[in-house]
């Protein structure tokens, strides 16, 4: 049994709720997310103007930057008020899925792949709040398009990240473009790559602009380092190797 497999056993025993349903988790995320997108599009269509579509590419660019900044920042470097992000991502997700063991084994492993429901409520609420503020200065159609685009980006993140971790025999993981993006993500999950490369999951625009894009062909993907038993789930900083703190 590898250290990753031992860690997964500990995670399932100590972190994963006994009544957790991966299918219900995934369905909830996509139903709520798509619901917000559809409602926003209906509202936008009531005052549809071609000129309002300028906000779509701008929102996508901002979302790409936010994704990059959050991933490179608090998700990989402990920030006091956002320490839960660091624990969940660096100390749990990156131990659950290493570069040489990237695939989930059952639907209960979705817990380690998908964002928790509370983050969906946070991102959705933030998008709606910003949309309401935007409506004070822009047209209602543009504000609604902002909300729809923001939530669409969030859903793309969840869907693509999920596809990067599906078993090799899943056809969905071999869709055009997904194979390349999955390779970039696999590089990010290597011991070296997690702190240096490929922070964008949806599209590596900011990685390309800021020089952190690595195509996955030249980075060495080592096997497991250390033992999962040495990681304290509740306070993982104390047990992480110095190079990963």
Protein backbone atom coordinates (compact mmCIF):
# COMPACT_ATOMS: atom_id res chain seq x y z
CA UNK A 1 0.00 0.00 0.00
CA UNK A 2 1.43 3.38 -1.03
CA UNK A 3 1.54 6.44 1.24
CA UNK A 4 -1.23 8.00 -0.88
CA UNK A 5 -3.46 4.98 -0.32
CA UNK A 6 -2.74 5.08 3.41
CA UNK A 7 -3.62 8.76 3.48
CA UNK A 8 -6.87 8.08 1.61
CA UNK A 9 -7.81 5.48 4.19
CA UNK A 10 -7.17 7.97 6.99
CA UNK A 11 -9.12 10.67 5.15
CA UNK A 12 -12.10 8.38 4.65
CA UNK A 13 -11.97 7.36 8.30
CA UNK A 14 -11.32 10.74 9.96
CA UNK A 15 -12.64 13.43 7.56
CA UNK A 16 -15.29 11.92 5.28
CA UNK A 17 -18.79 11.99 6.85
CA UNK A 18 -20.28 8.52 7.12
CA UNK A 19 -23.45 9.60 5.27
CA UNK A 20 -21.62 11.50 2.54
CA UNK A 21 -22.94 10.93 -0.99
CA UNK A 22 -20.66 11.93 -3.83
CA UNK A 23 -23.48 11.81 -6.35
CA UNK A 24 -25.66 14.11 -4.20
CA UNK A 25 -22.70 16.47 -3.77
CA UNK A 26 -22.05 16.68 -7.51
CA UNK A 27 -25.74 16.98 -8.37
CA UNK A 28 -26.24 19.75 -5.81
CA UNK A 29 -23.30 21.76 -7.11
CA UNK A 30 -24.39 21.57 -10.73
CA UNK A 31 -28.13 22.05 -10.14
CA UNK A 32 -27.64 25.11 -7.95
CA UNK A 33 -24.90 26.52 -10.18
CA UNK A 34 -26.83 25.99 -13.40
CA UNK A 35 -29.96 27.36 -11.73
CA UNK A 36 -28.21 30.63 -10.95
CA UNK A 37 -26.83 30.82 -14.50
CA UNK A 38 -30.24 30.21 -16.09
CA UNK A 39 -32.02 32.70 -13.86
CA UNK A 40 -29.39 35.33 -14.67
CA UNK A 41 -29.72 34.64 -18.41
CA UNK A 42 -33.52 34.96 -18.22
CA UNK A 43 -33.16 38.31 -16.46
CA UNK A 44 -30.59 39.46 -19.02
CA UNK A 45 -32.84 38.45 -21.93
CA UNK A 46 -35.60 40.79 -20.79
CA UNK A 47 -33.47 43.81 -21.75
CA UNK A 48 -31.14 42.12 -24.22
CA UNK A 49 -28.71 44.52 -25.90
CA UNK A 50 -25.73 43.49 -27.98
CA UNK A 51 -23.67 46.29 -26.47
CA UNK A 52 -23.94 44.66 -23.03
CA UNK A 53 -21.92 41.62 -24.09
CA UNK A 54 -18.65 43.49 -23.51
CA UNK A 55 -18.92 42.38 -19.90
CA UNK A 56 -18.62 38.68 -20.78
CA UNK A 57 -14.95 38.62 -21.91
CA UNK A 58 -14.01 41.10 -19.16
CA UNK A 59 -15.61 38.87 -16.53
CA UNK A 60 -13.83 35.81 -17.93
CA UNK A 61 -10.48 37.58 -17.73
CA UNK A 62 -11.14 38.71 -14.16
CA UNK A 63 -12.29 35.22 -13.17
CA UNK A 64 -9.12 33.72 -14.66
CA UNK A 65 -7.01 36.13 -12.62
CA UNK A 66 -8.99 35.45 -9.44
CA UNK A 67 -8.61 31.70 -9.96
CA UNK A 68 -4.87 32.06 -10.48
CA UNK A 69 -4.37 34.40 -7.52
CA UNK A 70 -6.40 32.26 -5.11
CA UNK A 71 -4.67 29.06 -6.22
CA UNK A 72 -1.15 30.44 -6.13
CA UNK A 73 -1.85 32.37 -2.92
CA UNK A 74 -3.96 31.09 0.00
CA UNK A 75 -4.58 27.64 -1.45
CA UNK A 76 -0.81 26.95 -1.32
CA UNK A 77 0.37 29.44 1.31
CA UNK A 78 -1.26 29.63 4.71
CA UNK A 79 -3.08 32.91 5.32
CA UNK A 80 -4.58 33.17 8.80
CA UNK A 81 -8.14 34.13 7.83
CA UNK A 82 -8.14 31.68 4.91
CA UNK A 83 -6.27 28.78 6.52
CA UNK A 84 -9.14 26.39 5.75
CA UNK A 85 -8.35 26.76 2.03
CA UNK A 86 -4.72 25.82 2.63
CA UNK A 87 -5.63 22.81 4.75
CA UNK A 88 -8.23 21.52 2.32
CA UNK A 89 -6.16 22.06 -0.82
CA UNK A 90 -2.45 21.67 -0.04
CA UNK A 91 -2.65 19.39 2.98
CA UNK A 92 -5.53 17.19 1.89
CA UNK A 93 -6.26 17.40 -1.84
CA UNK A 94 -2.59 17.26 -2.83
CA UNK A 95 -2.01 14.30 -0.53
CA UNK A 96 -5.13 12.53 -1.78
CA UNK A 97 -4.09 12.95 -5.42
CA UNK A 98 -0.38 12.80 -6.23
CA UNK A 99 1.04 13.04 -9.73
CA UNK A 100 1.31 9.26 -10.00
CA UNK A 101 -2.10 8.56 -8.39
CA UNK A 102 -4.46 11.17 -9.83
CA UNK A 103 -7.69 9.20 -10.18
CA UNK A 104 -10.52 8.80 -7.71
CA UNK A 105 -11.63 5.28 -6.84
CA UNK A 106 -15.32 5.73 -6.01
CA UNK A 107 -18.02 8.40 -5.84
CA UNK A 108 -17.17 8.97 -2.16
CA UNK A 109 -13.81 10.34 -3.32
CA UNK A 110 -15.72 13.28 -4.84
CA UNK A 111 -15.41 14.83 -1.38
CA UNK A 112 -11.71 15.39 -2.06
CA UNK A 113 -12.29 16.74 -5.58
CA UNK A 114 -15.28 19.09 -5.52
CA UNK A 115 -15.47 22.29 -3.52
CA UNK A 116 -17.64 21.96 -0.41
CA UNK A 117 -21.23 23.25 -0.80
CA UNK A 118 -20.50 26.25 1.43
CA UNK A 119 -18.09 27.59 -1.18
CA UNK A 120 -20.79 27.34 -3.84
CA UNK A 121 -23.02 29.47 -1.62
CA UNK A 122 -20.13 31.89 -1.03
CA UNK A 123 -19.21 32.25 -4.71
CA UNK A 124 -22.83 32.37 -5.81
CA UNK A 125 -23.71 34.95 -3.16
CA UNK A 126 -20.66 37.04 -4.05
CA UNK A 127 -21.52 36.94 -7.76
CA UNK A 128 -25.11 38.01 -7.08
CA UNK A 129 -24.00 40.78 -4.71
CA UNK A 130 -21.49 42.13 -7.23
CA UNK A 131 -24.17 41.86 -9.90
CA UNK A 132 -26.54 43.98 -7.81
CA UNK A 133 -23.80 46.57 -7.31
CA UNK A 134 -23.03 46.51 -11.03
CA UNK A 135 -26.72 47.15 -11.77
CA UNK A 136 -26.37 50.52 -10.01
CA UNK A 137 -23.85 51.65 -12.62
CA UNK A 138 -24.53 49.47 -15.66
CA UNK A 139 -27.63 48.15 -17.38
CA UNK A 140 -29.54 45.33 -15.72
CA UNK A 141 -28.76 43.14 -18.70
CA UNK A 142 -25.01 43.66 -18.29
CA UNK A 143 -25.25 43.00 -14.55
CA UNK A 144 -27.16 39.77 -15.15
CA UNK A 145 -24.63 38.68 -17.78
CA UNK A 146 -21.89 39.27 -15.22
CA UNK A 147 -23.60 36.91 -12.77
CA UNK A 148 -24.21 34.29 -15.48
CA UNK A 149 -20.61 34.44 -16.68
CA UNK A 150 -19.14 34.31 -13.17
CA UNK A 151 -21.14 31.25 -12.20
CA UNK A 152 -20.44 29.60 -15.56
CA UNK A 153 -16.72 29.97 -14.88
CA UNK A 154 -17.18 28.41 -11.44
CA UNK A 155 -19.02 25.46 -12.98
CA UNK A 156 -16.31 25.07 -15.65
CA UNK A 157 -13.73 24.91 -12.88
CA UNK A 158 -15.65 22.19 -11.06
CA UNK A 159 -16.39 20.15 -14.20
CA UNK A 160 -12.86 20.32 -15.60
CA UNK A 161 -11.21 19.63 -12.25
CA UNK A 162 -13.48 16.62 -11.88
CA UNK A 163 -12.46 15.37 -15.34
CA UNK A 164 -8.76 15.68 -14.45
CA UNK A 165 -9.29 13.09 -11.72
CA UNK A 166 -11.56 10.55 -13.45
CA UNK A 167 -10.28 6.97 -13.96
CA UNK A 168 -8.34 6.35 -17.19
CA UNK A 169 -11.14 4.28 -18.72
CA UNK A 170 -13.67 7.14 -18.56
CA UNK A 171 -14.26 8.55 -22.06
CA UNK A 172 -15.10 11.97 -20.60
CA UNK A 173 -11.49 12.29 -19.49
CA UNK A 174 -10.33 11.88 -23.10
CA UNK A 175 -12.40 14.71 -24.59
CA UNK A 176 -10.58 17.14 -26.93
CA UNK A 177 -8.54 19.57 -24.89
CA UNK A 178 -9.19 17.79 -21.59
CA UNK A 179 -6.19 15.48 -22.03
CA UNK A 180 -3.84 18.47 -22.40
CA UNK A 181 -5.37 20.35 -19.48
CA UNK A 182 -5.28 17.20 -17.34
CA UNK A 183 -1.58 16.84 -18.10
CA UNK A 184 -1.00 20.41 -16.93
CA UNK A 185 -2.90 19.66 -13.73
CA UNK A 186 -0.95 16.46 -13.21
CA UNK A 187 2.25 18.49 -13.43
CA UNK A 188 0.85 20.82 -10.78
CA UNK A 189 0.31 17.81 -8.52
CA UNK A 190 3.96 16.80 -8.72
CA UNK A 191 6.19 17.58 -5.74
CA UNK A 192 7.94 20.33 -7.70
CA UNK A 193 4.99 21.63 -9.69
CA UNK A 194 2.56 22.31 -6.84
CA UNK A 195 4.48 25.42 -5.80
CA UNK A 196 5.73 26.56 -9.17
CA UNK A 197 3.46 25.72 -12.11
CA UNK A 198 -0.04 25.56 -13.59
CA UNK A 199 -2.36 27.36 -11.20
CA UNK A 200 -5.11 27.88 -13.79
CA UNK A 201 -7.45 24.90 -14.17
CA UNK A 202 -10.01 26.29 -16.64
CA UNK A 203 -7.58 27.83 -19.14
CA UNK A 204 -3.90 28.64 -18.46
CA UNK A 205 -4.03 32.30 -19.54
CA UNK A 206 -2.52 33.84 -16.40
CA UNK A 207 -0.02 30.98 -16.18
CA UNK A 208 1.13 31.83 -19.69
CA UNK A 209 1.28 35.59 -19.07
CA UNK A 210 3.03 35.29 -15.69
CA UNK A 211 5.50 32.59 -16.73
CA UNK A 212 4.23 29.71 -14.58
CA UNK A 213 2.94 27.54 -17.40
CA UNK A 214 4.64 24.15 -17.70
CA UNK A 215 3.53 21.75 -20.44
CA UNK A 216 4.11 18.66 -18.36
CA UNK A 217 6.76 17.13 -20.62
CA UNK A 218 9.86 18.39 -18.84
CA UNK A 219 8.91 18.37 -15.17
CA UNK A 220 9.97 15.25 -13.31
CA UNK A 221 7.02 13.52 -11.68
CA UNK A 222 8.46 11.74 -8.65
CA UNK A 223 6.74 9.03 -6.69
CA UNK A 224 5.29 9.54 -3.23
CA UNK A 225 7.53 11.29 -0.76
CA UNK A 226 7.19 10.71 2.93
CA UNK A 227 4.46 8.86 4.71
CA UNK A 228 0.80 9.72 4.98
CA UNK A 229 0.91 8.68 8.61
CA UNK A 230 3.17 11.67 9.33
CA UNK A 231 0.47 14.13 8.29
CA UNK A 232 -1.79 15.51 10.99
CA UNK A 233 -5.14 16.19 9.36
CA UNK A 234 -6.29 18.84 11.80
CA UNK A 235 -2.98 20.74 12.02
CA UNK A 236 -1.03 19.69 8.94
CA UNK A 237 1.54 22.48 8.92
CA UNK A 238 3.56 20.84 11.68
CA UNK A 239 3.99 17.66 9.71
CA UNK A 240 4.50 18.93 6.18
CA UNK A 241 8.05 18.69 4.85
CA UNK A 242 9.87 22.01 5.03
CA UNK A 243 9.77 22.35 1.24
CA UNK A 244 5.96 22.18 1.26
CA UNK A 245 5.20 24.69 4.02
